[in-house]
Amino acid sequence: MTNQDKTQTFFGIEKLLYNYRTVSQSEREKGTYFEEMVLVYLKNEPIYKDFYSDVWKFSDWAREFGHDAHDTGIDLVARTQGTQEFHAIQYKFYAEDHIVFSKNYLK
């Protein structure tokens, strides 16, 4: 199956992730595309849009609130509606064939 055939058989998120994987010139570029997608998703998906009043890239949040903006492993920060709590968000853009085990997240 050619790359063009693959993009024609994928839908929605699968197609978007496939395109990120194939057009990115580096892992950093792929991560940046993915970060933007998650940010837009959290700001626009109805459940999260109602739950969070604001969502920032970590570095933007840190600068806005007077914190050190160096990479700490946090990708995004979201503020909840009502309580105004901040939630640190980390995500992973694994390879298509990667299997995620719960033990990886139970630290």
PDB file of N, CA and C in Angstrom:
ATOM      1  N   MET A   1       0.853  -1.173   0.000  1.00  0.00           N
ATOM      2  CA  MET A   1       0.000   0.000   0.000  1.00  0.00           C
ATOM      3  C   MET A   1       0.902   1.239   0.000  1.00  0.00           C
ATOM      4  N   THR A   2       0.649   2.151  -0.906  1.00  0.00           N
ATOM      5  CA  THR A   2       1.437   3.382  -0.970  1.00  0.00           C
ATOM      6  C   THR A   2       0.995   4.345   0.115  1.00  0.00           C
ATOM      7  N   ASN A   3       1.833   5.363   0.362  1.00  0.00           N
ATOM      8  CA  ASN A   3       1.470   6.385   1.349  1.00  0.00           C
ATOM      9  C   ASN A   3       0.164   7.070   0.976  1.00  0.00           C
ATOM     10  N   GLN A   4      -0.038   7.328  -0.309  1.00  0.00           N
ATOM     11  CA  GLN A   4      -1.282   7.982  -0.732  1.00  0.00           C
ATOM     12  C   GLN A   4      -2.479   7.074  -0.462  1.00  0.00           C
ATOM     13  N   ASP A   5      -2.334   5.762  -0.731  1.00  0.00           N
ATOM     14  CA  ASP A   5      -3.418   4.823  -0.431  1.00  0.00           C
ATOM     15  C   ASP A   5      -3.745   4.833   1.058  1.00  0.00           C
ATOM     16  N   LYS A   6      -2.712   4.871   1.905  1.00  0.00           N
ATOM     17  CA  LYS A   6      -2.933   4.865   3.348  1.00  0.00           C
ATOM     18  C   LYS A   6      -3.710   6.096   3.791  1.00  0.00           C
ATOM     19  N   THR A   7      -3.349   7.273   3.301  1.00  0.00           N
ATOM     20  CA  THR A   7      -4.043   8.486   3.743  1.00  0.00           C
ATOM     21  C   THR A   7      -5.486   8.507   3.261  1.00  0.00           C
ATOM     22  N   GLN A   8      -5.785   7.812   2.183  1.00  0.00           N
ATOM     23  CA  GLN A   8      -7.160   7.775   1.698  1.00  0.00           C
ATOM     24  C   GLN A   8      -8.019   6.792   2.492  1.00  0.00           C
ATOM     25  N   THR A   9      -7.398   5.841   3.212  1.00  0.00           N
ATOM     26  CA  THR A   9      -8.170   4.875   3.981  1.00  0.00           C
ATOM     27  C   THR A   9      -8.323   5.276   5.439  1.00  0.00           C
ATOM     28  N   PHE A  10      -7.548   6.227   5.900  1.00  0.00           N
ATOM     29  CA  PHE A  10      -7.646   6.676   7.284  1.00  0.00           C
ATOM     30  C   PHE A  10      -8.717   7.751   7.402  1.00  0.00           C
ATOM     31  N   PHE A  11      -9.274   7.863   8.596  1.00  0.00           N
ATOM     32  CA  PHE A  11     -10.278   8.875   8.852  1.00  0.00           C
ATOM     33  C   PHE A  11      -9.917   9.653  10.105  1.00  0.00           C
ATOM     34  N   GLY A  12     -10.315  10.916  10.157  1.00  0.00           N
ATOM     35  CA  GLY A  12     -10.195  11.733  11.345  1.00  0.00           C
ATOM     36  C   GLY A  12      -8.827  11.719  11.989  1.00  0.00           C
ATOM     37  N   ILE A  13      -8.795  11.302  13.244  1.00  0.00           N
ATOM     38  CA  ILE A  13      -7.583  11.361  14.043  1.00  0.00           C
ATOM     39  C   ILE A  13      -6.498  10.453  13.473  1.00  0.00           C
ATOM     40  N   GLU A  14      -6.865   9.292  12.962  1.00  0.00           N
ATOM     41  CA  GLU A  14      -5.863   8.386  12.389  1.00  0.00           C
ATOM     42  C   GLU A  14      -5.123   9.047  11.232  1.00  0.00           C
ATOM     43  N   LYS A  15      -5.864   9.722  10.387  1.00  0.00           N
ATOM     44  CA  LYS A  15      -5.253  10.392   9.234  1.00  0.00           C
ATOM     45  C   LYS A  15      -4.345  11.523   9.699  1.00  0.00           C
ATOM     46  N   LEU A  16      -4.812  12.284  10.652  1.00  0.00           N
ATOM     47  CA  LEU A  16      -4.017  13.391  11.177  1.00  0.00           C
ATOM     48  C   LEU A  16      -2.715  12.883  11.785  1.00  0.00           C
ATOM     49  N   LEU A  17      -2.787  11.844  12.619  1.00  0.00           N
ATOM     50  CA  LEU A  17      -1.580  11.290  13.243  1.00  0.00           C
ATOM     51  C   LEU A  17      -0.651  10.675  12.205  1.00  0.00           C
ATOM     52  N   TYR A  18      -1.211  10.003  11.216  1.00  0.00           N
ATOM     53  CA  TYR A  18      -0.396   9.449  10.142  1.00  0.00           C
ATOM     54  C   TYR A  18       0.351  10.573   9.414  1.00  0.00           C
ATOM     55  N   ASN A  19      -0.338  11.661   9.127  1.00  0.00           N
ATOM     56  CA  ASN A  19       0.298  12.791   8.448  1.00  0.00           C
ATOM     57  C   ASN A  19       1.408  13.400   9.311  1.00  0.00           C
ATOM     58  N   TYR A  20       1.182  13.529  10.607  1.00  0.00           N
ATOM     59  CA  TYR A  20       2.220  14.048  11.502  1.00  0.00           C
ATOM     60  C   TYR A  20       3.458  13.157  11.434  1.00  0.00           C
ATOM     61  N   ARG A  21       3.236  11.834  11.451  1.00  0.00           N
ATOM     62  CA  ARG A  21       4.366  10.902  11.423  1.00  0.00           C
ATOM     63  C   ARG A  21       5.134  10.966  10.109  1.00  0.00           C
ATOM     64  N   THR A  22       4.432  11.167   9.010  1.00  0.00           N
ATOM     65  CA  THR A  22       5.101  11.099   7.708  1.00  0.00           C
ATOM     66  C   THR A  22       5.700  12.424   7.250  1.00  0.00           C
ATOM     67  N   VAL A  23       5.136  13.541   7.646  1.00  0.00           N
ATOM     68  CA  VAL A  23       5.665  14.814   7.161  1.00  0.00           C
ATOM     69  C   VAL A  23       6.688  15.449   8.091  1.00  0.00           C
ATOM     70  N   SER A  24       6.728  15.016   9.337  1.00  0.00           N
ATOM     71  CA  SER A  24       7.654  15.620  10.302  1.00  0.00           C
ATOM     72  C   SER A  24       9.096  15.292   9.942  1.00  0.00           C
ATOM     73  N   GLN A  25       9.934  16.313  10.005  1.00  0.00           N
ATOM     74  CA  GLN A  25      11.352  16.149   9.704  1.00  0.00           C
ATOM     75  C   GLN A  25      12.145  15.686  10.925  1.00  0.00           C
ATOM     76  N   SER A  26      11.536  15.759  12.099  1.00  0.00           N
ATOM     77  CA  SER A  26      12.232  15.365  13.327  1.00  0.00           C
ATOM     78  C   SER A  26      11.192  14.959  14.378  1.00  0.00           C
ATOM     79  N   GLU A  27      11.671  14.313  15.434  1.00  0.00           N
ATOM     80  CA  GLU A  27      10.783  13.965  16.551  1.00  0.00           C
ATOM     81  C   GLU A  27      10.246  15.235  17.209  1.00  0.00           C
ATOM     82  N   ARG A  28      11.077  16.251  17.275  1.00  0.00           N
ATOM     83  CA  ARG A  28      10.642  17.517  17.882  1.00  0.00           C
ATOM     84  C   ARG A  28       9.497  18.145  17.083  1.00  0.00           C
ATOM     85  N   GLU A  29       9.625  18.150  15.765  1.00  0.00           N
ATOM     86  CA  GLU A  29       8.570  18.700  14.917  1.00  0.00           C
ATOM     87  C   GLU A  29       7.280  17.892  15.079  1.00  0.00           C
ATOM     88  N   LYS A  30       7.405  16.565  15.106  1.00  0.00           N
ATOM     89  CA  LYS A  30       6.239  15.702  15.304  1.00  0.00           C
ATOM     90  C   LYS A  30       5.582  16.011  16.653  1.00  0.00           C
ATOM     91  N   GLY A  31       6.396  16.190  17.684  1.00  0.00           N
ATOM     92  CA  GLY A  31       5.871  16.517  19.009  1.00  0.00           C
ATOM     93  C   GLY A  31       5.163  17.855  19.037  1.00  0.00           C
ATOM     94  N   THR A  32       5.695  18.828  18.299  1.00  0.00           N
ATOM     95  CA  THR A  32       5.068  20.154  18.236  1.00  0.00           C
ATOM     96  C   THR A  32       3.694  20.066  17.569  1.00  0.00           C
ATOM     97  N   TYR A  33       3.599  19.325  16.473  1.00  0.00           N
ATOM     98  CA  TYR A  33       2.305  19.141  15.816  1.00  0.00           C
ATOM     99  C   TYR A  33       1.303  18.501  16.781  1.00  0.00           C
ATOM    100  N   PHE A  34       1.764  17.466  17.480  1.00  0.00           N
ATOM    101  CA  PHE A  34       0.888  16.749  18.396  1.00  0.00           C
ATOM    102  C   PHE A  34       0.451  17.651  19.552  1.00  0.00           C
ATOM    103  N   GLU A  35       1.380  18.444  20.067  1.00  0.00           N
ATOM    104  CA  GLU A  35       1.061  19.367  21.157  1.00  0.00           C
ATOM    105  C   GLU A  35      -0.028  20.345  20.729  1.00  0.00           C
ATOM    106  N   GLU A  36       0.098  20.893  19.545  1.00  0.00           N
ATOM    107  CA  GLU A  36      -0.920  21.825  19.043  1.00  0.00           C
ATOM    108  C   GLU A  36      -2.275  21.137  18.898  1.00  0.00           C
ATOM    109  N   MET A  37      -2.263  19.882  18.440  1.00  0.00           N
ATOM    110  CA  MET A  37      -3.515  19.154  18.278  1.00  0.00           C
ATOM    111  C   MET A  37      -4.190  18.933  19.631  1.00  0.00           C
ATOM    112  N   VAL A  38      -3.432  18.502  20.643  1.00  0.00           N
ATOM    113  CA  VAL A  38      -4.008  18.263  21.966  1.00  0.00           C
ATOM    114  C   VAL A  38      -4.530  19.568  22.563  1.00  0.00           C
ATOM    115  N   LEU A  39      -3.783  20.647  22.393  1.00  0.00           N
ATOM    116  CA  LEU A  39      -4.205  21.955  22.900  1.00  0.00           C
ATOM    117  C   LEU A  39      -5.542  22.371  22.279  1.00  0.00           C
ATOM    118  N   VAL A  40      -5.646  22.262  20.979  1.00  0.00           N
ATOM    119  CA  VAL A  40      -6.888  22.625  20.280  1.00  0.00           C
ATOM    120  C   VAL A  40      -8.029  21.698  20.707  1.00  0.00           C
ATOM    121  N   TYR A  41      -7.736  20.420  20.862  1.00  0.00           N
ATOM    122  CA  TYR A  41      -8.755  19.460  21.299  1.00  0.00           C
ATOM    123  C   TYR A  41      -9.304  19.843  22.670  1.00  0.00           C
ATOM    124  N   LEU A  42      -8.429  20.096  23.622  1.00  0.00           N
ATOM    125  CA  LEU A  42      -8.880  20.427  24.972  1.00  0.00           C
ATOM    126  C   LEU A  42      -9.662  21.743  25.014  1.00  0.00           C
ATOM    127  N   LYS A  43      -9.342  22.662  24.129  1.00  0.00           N
ATOM    128  CA  LYS A  43     -10.047  23.946  24.092  1.00  0.00           C
ATOM    129  C   LYS A  43     -11.398  23.861  23.387  1.00  0.00           C
ATOM    130  N   ASN A  44     -11.605  22.825  22.557  1.00  0.00           N
ATOM    131  CA  ASN A  44     -12.796  22.790  21.719  1.00  0.00           C
ATOM    132  C   ASN A  44     -13.715  21.592  21.896  1.00  0.00           C
ATOM    133  N   GLU A  45     -13.223  20.473  22.410  1.00  0.00           N
ATOM    134  CA  GLU A  45     -14.065  19.299  22.626  1.00  0.00           C
ATOM    135  C   GLU A  45     -15.042  19.653  23.736  1.00  0.00           C
ATOM    136  N   PRO A  46     -16.348  19.449  23.529  1.00  0.00           N
ATOM    137  CA  PRO A  46     -17.345  19.970  24.470  1.00  0.00           C
ATOM    138  C   PRO A  46     -17.122  19.626  25.947  1.00  0.00           C
ATOM    139  N   ILE A  47     -16.751  18.410  26.269  1.00  0.00           N
ATOM    140  CA  ILE A  47     -16.564  18.049  27.682  1.00  0.00           C
ATOM    141  C   ILE A  47     -15.426  18.854  28.297  1.00  0.00           C
ATOM    142  N   TYR A  48     -14.295  18.909  27.602  1.00  0.00           N
ATOM    143  CA  TYR A  48     -13.147  19.638  28.142  1.00  0.00           C
ATOM    144  C   TYR A  48     -13.345  21.145  28.071  1.00  0.00           C
ATOM    145  N   LYS A  49     -14.009  21.602  27.041  1.00  0.00           N
ATOM    146  CA  LYS A  49     -14.288  23.036  26.911  1.00  0.00           C
ATOM    147  C   LYS A  49     -15.118  23.532  28.092  1.00  0.00           C
ATOM    148  N   ASP A  50     -16.053  22.706  28.551  1.00  0.00           N
ATOM    149  CA  ASP A  50     -16.865  23.063  29.713  1.00  0.00           C
ATOM    150  C   ASP A  50     -16.102  22.897  31.022  1.00  0.00           C
ATOM    151  N   PHE A  51     -15.154  21.975  31.062  1.00  0.00           N
ATOM    152  CA  PHE A  51     -14.420  21.689  32.290  1.00  0.00           C
ATOM    153  C   PHE A  51     -13.270  22.673  32.526  1.00  0.00           C
ATOM    154  N   TYR A  52     -12.578  23.058  31.441  1.00  0.00           N
ATOM    155  CA  TYR A  52     -11.424  23.957  31.556  1.00  0.00           C
ATOM    156  C   TYR A  52     -11.756  25.344  31.024  1.00  0.00           C
ATOM    157  N   SER A  53     -11.379  26.360  31.786  1.00  0.00           N
ATOM    158  CA  SER A  53     -11.577  27.734  31.321  1.00  0.00           C
ATOM    159  C   SER A  53     -10.426  28.192  30.448  1.00  0.00           C
ATOM    160  N   ASP A  54      -9.233  27.652  30.684  1.00  0.00           N
ATOM    161  CA  ASP A  54      -8.036  28.023  29.921  1.00  0.00           C
ATOM    162  C   ASP A  54      -7.133  26.809  29.771  1.00  0.00           C
ATOM    163  N   VAL A  55      -6.413  26.747  28.660  1.00  0.00           N
ATOM    164  CA  VAL A  55      -5.396  25.717  28.452  1.00  0.00           C
ATOM    165  C   VAL A  55      -4.198  26.403  27.796  1.00  0.00           C
ATOM    166  N   TRP A  56      -3.007  26.166  28.357  1.00  0.00           N
ATOM    167  CA  TRP A  56      -1.777  26.766  27.847  1.00  0.00           C
ATOM    168  C   TRP A  56      -0.724  25.699  27.598  1.00  0.00           C
ATOM    169  N   LYS A  57       0.211  25.990  26.699  1.00  0.00           N
ATOM    170  CA  LYS A  57       1.458  25.235  26.663  1.00  0.00           C
ATOM    171  C   LYS A  57       2.158  25.555  27.982  1.00  0.00           C
ATOM    172  N   PHE A  58       2.882  24.596  28.537  1.00  0.00           N
ATOM    173  CA  PHE A  58       3.504  24.805  29.839  1.00  0.00           C
ATOM    174  C   PHE A  58       4.363  26.066  29.851  1.00  0.00           C
ATOM    175  N   SER A  59       5.181  26.263  28.826  1.00  0.00           N
ATOM    176  CA  SER A  59       6.088  27.421  28.818  1.00  0.00           C
ATOM    177  C   SER A  59       5.316  28.734  28.814  1.00  0.00           C
ATOM    178  N   ASP A  60       4.190  28.784  28.112  1.00  0.00           N
ATOM    179  CA  ASP A  60       3.362  30.002  28.103  1.00  0.00           C
ATOM    180  C   ASP A  60       2.742  30.246  29.476  1.00  0.00           C
ATOM    181  N   TRP A  61       2.225  29.165  30.094  1.00  0.00           N
ATOM    182  CA  TRP A  61       1.646  29.275  31.431  1.00  0.00           C
ATOM    183  C   TRP A  61       2.701  29.752  32.434  1.00  0.00           C
ATOM    184  N   ALA A  62       3.887  29.156  32.375  1.00  0.00           N
ATOM    185  CA  ALA A  62       4.949  29.504  33.322  1.00  0.00           C
ATOM    186  C   ALA A  62       5.329  30.979  33.211  1.00  0.00           C
ATOM    187  N   ARG A  63       5.486  31.464  32.003  1.00  0.00           N
ATOM    188  CA  ARG A  63       5.829  32.882  31.816  1.00  0.00           C
ATOM    189  C   ARG A  63       4.703  33.788  32.312  1.00  0.00           C
ATOM    190  N   GLU A  64       3.475  33.430  31.998  1.00  0.00           N
ATOM    191  CA  GLU A  64       2.335  34.262  32.394  1.00  0.00           C
ATOM    192  C   GLU A  64       2.173  34.344  33.914  1.00  0.00           C
ATOM    193  N   PHE A  65       2.527  33.275  34.614  1.00  0.00           N
ATOM    194  CA  PHE A  65       2.333  33.236  36.062  1.00  0.00           C
ATOM    195  C   PHE A  65       3.639  33.345  36.849  1.00  0.00           C
ATOM    196  N   GLY A  66       4.710  33.756  36.165  1.00  0.00           N
ATOM    197  CA  GLY A  66       5.967  34.040  36.847  1.00  0.00           C
ATOM    198  C   GLY A  66       6.756  32.835  37.319  1.00  0.00           C
ATOM    199  N   HIS A  67       6.655  31.729  36.610  1.00  0.00           N
ATOM    200  CA  HIS A  67       7.401  30.524  36.966  1.00  0.00           C
ATOM    201  C   HIS A  67       8.510  30.273  35.952  1.00  0.00           C
ATOM    202  N   ASP A  68       9.448  29.428  36.323  1.00  0.00           N
ATOM    203  CA  ASP A  68      10.522  29.021  35.423  1.00  0.00           C
ATOM    204  C   ASP A  68       9.916  28.211  34.276  1.00  0.00           C
ATOM    205  N   ALA A  69      10.223  28.570  33.050  1.00  0.00           N
ATOM    206  CA  ALA A  69       9.600  27.929  31.892  1.00  0.00           C
ATOM    207  C   ALA A  69      10.432  26.789  31.310  1.00  0.00           C
ATOM    208  N   HIS A  70      11.516  26.384  31.992  1.00  0.00           N
ATOM    209  CA  HIS A  70      12.315  25.288  31.419  1.00  0.00           C
ATOM    210  C   HIS A  70      11.514  23.985  31.451  1.00  0.00           C
ATOM    211  N   ASP A  71      11.882  23.067  30.605  1.00  0.00           N
ATOM    212  CA  ASP A  71      11.146  21.814  30.426  1.00  0.00           C
ATOM    213  C   ASP A  71      11.179  20.978  31.699  1.00  0.00           C
ATOM    214  N   THR A  72       9.996  20.706  32.239  1.00  0.00           N
ATOM    215  CA  THR A  72       9.876  19.898  33.457  1.00  0.00           C
ATOM    216  C   THR A  72       9.183  18.571  33.183  1.00  0.00           C
ATOM    217  N   GLY A  73       8.785  18.348  31.936  1.00  0.00           N
ATOM    218  CA  GLY A  73       8.028  17.153  31.601  1.00  0.00           C
ATOM    219  C   GLY A  73       6.539  17.426  31.491  1.00  0.00           C
ATOM    220  N   ILE A  74       6.113  18.594  31.945  1.00  0.00           N
ATOM    221  CA  ILE A  74       4.706  18.979  31.805  1.00  0.00           C
ATOM    222  C   ILE A  74       4.539  19.573  30.411  1.00  0.00           C
ATOM    223  N   ASP A  75       3.518  19.128  29.705  1.00  0.00           N
ATOM    224  CA  ASP A  75       3.297  19.614  28.345  1.00  0.00           C
ATOM    225  C   ASP A  75       2.311  20.770  28.291  1.00  0.00           C
ATOM    226  N   LEU A  76       1.191  20.602  28.973  1.00  0.00           N
ATOM    227  CA  LEU A  76       0.152  21.629  28.980  1.00  0.00           C
ATOM    228  C   LEU A  76      -0.299  21.869  30.415  1.00  0.00           C
ATOM    229  N   VAL A  77      -0.894  23.029  30.648  1.00  0.00           N
ATOM    230  CA  VAL A  77      -1.521  23.334  31.930  1.00  0.00           C
ATOM    231  C   VAL A  77      -2.922  23.841  31.618  1.00  0.00           C
ATOM    232  N   ALA A  78      -3.899  23.314  32.362  1.00  0.00           N
ATOM    233  CA  ALA A  78      -5.285  23.734  32.175  1.00  0.00           C
ATOM    234  C   ALA A  78      -5.843  24.227  33.498  1.00  0.00           C
ATOM    235  N   ARG A  79      -6.683  25.265  33.423  1.00  0.00           N
ATOM    236  CA  ARG A  79      -7.349  25.797  34.622  1.00  0.00           C
ATOM    237  C   ARG A  79      -8.813  25.375  34.576  1.00  0.00           C
ATOM    238  N   THR A  80      -9.283  24.826  35.691  1.00  0.00           N
ATOM    239  CA  THR A  80     -10.668  24.354  35.737  1.00  0.00           C
ATOM    240  C   THR A  80     -11.625  25.529  35.876  1.00  0.00           C
ATOM    241  N   GLN A  81     -12.828  25.316  35.348  1.00  0.00           N
ATOM    242  CA  GLN A  81     -13.912  26.277  35.555  1.00  0.00           C
ATOM    243  C   GLN A  81     -14.286  26.238  37.029  1.00  0.00           C
ATOM    244  N   GLY A  82     -14.744  27.277  37.567  1.00  0.00           N
ATOM    245  CA  GLY A  82     -15.264  27.266  38.933  1.00  0.00           C
ATOM    246  C   GLY A  82     -14.198  27.293  40.004  1.00  0.00           C
ATOM    247  N   THR A  83     -13.486  26.187  40.212  1.00  0.00           N
ATOM    248  CA  THR A  83     -12.500  26.103  41.294  1.00  0.00           C
ATOM    249  C   THR A  83     -11.188  26.792  40.955  1.00  0.00           C
ATOM    250  N   GLN A  84     -10.954  27.020  39.686  1.00  0.00           N
ATOM    251  CA  GLN A  84      -9.730  27.691  39.208  1.00  0.00           C
ATOM    252  C   GLN A  84      -8.457  26.898  39.534  1.00  0.00           C
ATOM    253  N   GLU A  85      -8.582  25.584  39.712  1.00  0.00           N
ATOM    254  CA  GLU A  85      -7.412  24.735  39.941  1.00  0.00           C
ATOM    255  C   GLU A  85      -6.624  24.601  38.647  1.00  0.00           C
ATOM    256  N   PHE A  86      -5.327  24.395  38.776  1.00  0.00           N
ATOM    257  CA  PHE A  86      -4.481  24.130  37.620  1.00  0.00           C
ATOM    258  C   PHE A  86      -4.218  22.634  37.535  1.00  0.00           C
ATOM    259  N   HIS A  87      -4.337  22.082  36.338  1.00  0.00           N
ATOM    260  CA  HIS A  87      -4.021  20.686  36.089  1.00  0.00           C
ATOM    261  C   HIS A  87      -2.821  20.616  35.162  1.00  0.00           C
ATOM    262  N   ALA A  88      -1.797  19.887  35.588  1.00  0.00           N
ATOM    263  CA  ALA A  88      -0.633  19.627  34.731  1.00  0.00           C
ATOM    264  C   ALA A  88      -0.977  18.448  33.830  1.00  0.00           C
ATOM    265  N   ILE A  89      -0.684  18.577  32.547  1.00  0.00           N
ATOM    266  CA  ILE A  89      -1.042  17.544  31.571  1.00  0.00           C
ATOM    267  C   ILE A  89       0.217  17.106  30.840  1.00  0.00           C
ATOM    268  N   GLN A  90       0.412  15.799  30.799  1.00  0.00           N
ATOM    269  CA  GLN A  90       1.502  15.240  30.009  1.00  0.00           C
ATOM    270  C   GLN A  90       0.888  14.211  29.073  1.00  0.00           C
ATOM    271  N   TYR A  91       1.362  14.155  27.858  1.00  0.00           N
ATOM    272  CA  TYR A  91       0.850  13.206  26.877  1.00  0.00           C
ATOM    273  C   TYR A  91       2.018  12.613  26.126  1.00  0.00           C
ATOM    274  N   LYS A  92       1.769  11.523  25.442  1.00  0.00           N
ATOM    275  CA  LYS A  92       2.798  10.824  24.670  1.00  0.00           C
ATOM    276  C   LYS A  92       2.266  10.560  23.267  1.00  0.00           C
ATOM    277  N   PHE A  93       3.125  10.734  22.293  1.00  0.00           N
ATOM    278  CA  PHE A  93       2.791  10.419  20.907  1.00  0.00           C
ATOM    279  C   PHE A  93       3.614   9.189  20.521  1.00  0.00           C
ATOM    280  N   TYR A  94       3.106   8.031  20.907  1.00  0.00           N
ATOM    281  CA  TYR A  94       3.828   6.789  20.675  1.00  0.00           C
ATOM    282  C   TYR A  94       3.758   6.364  19.223  1.00  0.00           C
ATOM    283  N   ALA A  95       4.653   5.455  18.854  1.00  0.00           N
ATOM    284  CA  ALA A  95       4.619   4.842  17.528  1.00  0.00           C
ATOM    285  C   ALA A  95       3.292   4.108  17.368  1.00  0.00           C
ATOM    286  N   GLU A  96       2.876   3.992  16.143  1.00  0.00           N
ATOM    287  CA  GLU A  96       1.584   3.389  15.828  1.00  0.00           C
ATOM    288  C   GLU A  96       1.442   1.974  16.408  1.00  0.00           C
ATOM    289  N   ASP A  97       2.515   1.228  16.459  1.00  0.00           N
ATOM    290  CA  ASP A  97       2.453  -0.159  16.914  1.00  0.00           C
ATOM    291  C   ASP A  97       2.841  -0.326  18.392  1.00  0.00           C
ATOM    292  N   HIS A  98       3.022   0.774  19.105  1.00  0.00           N
ATOM    293  CA  HIS A  98       3.423   0.709  20.518  1.00  0.00           C
ATOM    294  C   HIS A  98       2.261   0.228  21.380  1.00  0.00           C
ATOM    295  N   ILE A  99       2.573  -0.663  22.322  1.00  0.00           N
ATOM    296  CA  ILE A  99       1.579  -1.146  23.270  1.00  0.00           C
ATOM    297  C   ILE A  99       1.836  -0.455  24.606  1.00  0.00           C
ATOM    298  N   VAL A 100       0.812   0.150  25.153  1.00  0.00           N
ATOM    299  CA  VAL A 100       0.932   0.850  26.426  1.00  0.00           C
ATOM    300  C   VAL A 100       0.468  -0.087  27.537  1.00  0.00           C
ATOM    301  N   PHE A 101       1.321  -0.256  28.528  1.00  0.00           N
ATOM    302  CA  PHE A 101       0.994  -1.085  29.688  1.00  0.00           C
ATOM    303  C   PHE A 101       0.684  -0.189  30.870  1.00  0.00           C
ATOM    304  N   SER A 102      -0.281  -0.557  31.682  1.00  0.00           N
ATOM    305  CA  SER A 102      -0.672   0.276  32.816  1.00  0.00           C
ATOM    306  C   SER A 102       0.482   0.476  33.792  1.00  0.00           C
ATOM    307  N   LYS A 103       1.408  -0.466  33.897  1.00  0.00           N
ATOM    308  CA  LYS A 103       2.523  -0.320  34.842  1.00  0.00           C
ATOM    309  C   LYS A 103       3.375   0.903  34.517  1.00  0.00           C
ATOM    310  N   ASN A 104       3.352   1.360  33.268  1.00  0.00           N
ATOM    311  CA  ASN A 104       4.102   2.553  32.873  1.00  0.00           C
ATOM    312  C   ASN A 104       3.540   3.817  33.527  1.00  0.00           C
ATOM    313  N   TYR A 105       2.297   3.767  33.969  1.00  0.00           N
ATOM    314  CA  TYR A 105       1.639   4.972  34.502  1.00  0.00           C
ATOM    315  C   TYR A 105       1.280   4.871  35.972  1.00  0.00           C
ATOM    316  N   LEU A 106       1.666   3.796  36.588  1.00  0.00           N
ATOM    317  CA  LEU A 106       1.325   3.598  37.998  1.00  0.00           C
ATOM    318  C   LEU A 106       2.517   3.877  38.891  1.00  0.00           C
ATOM    319  N   LYS A 107       3.235   4.917  38.607  1.00  0.00           N
ATOM    320  CA  LYS A 107       4.419   5.283  39.402  1.00  0.00           C
ATOM    321  C   LYS A 107       4.053   6.240  40.497  1.00  0.00           C
TER     322      LYS A 107
END
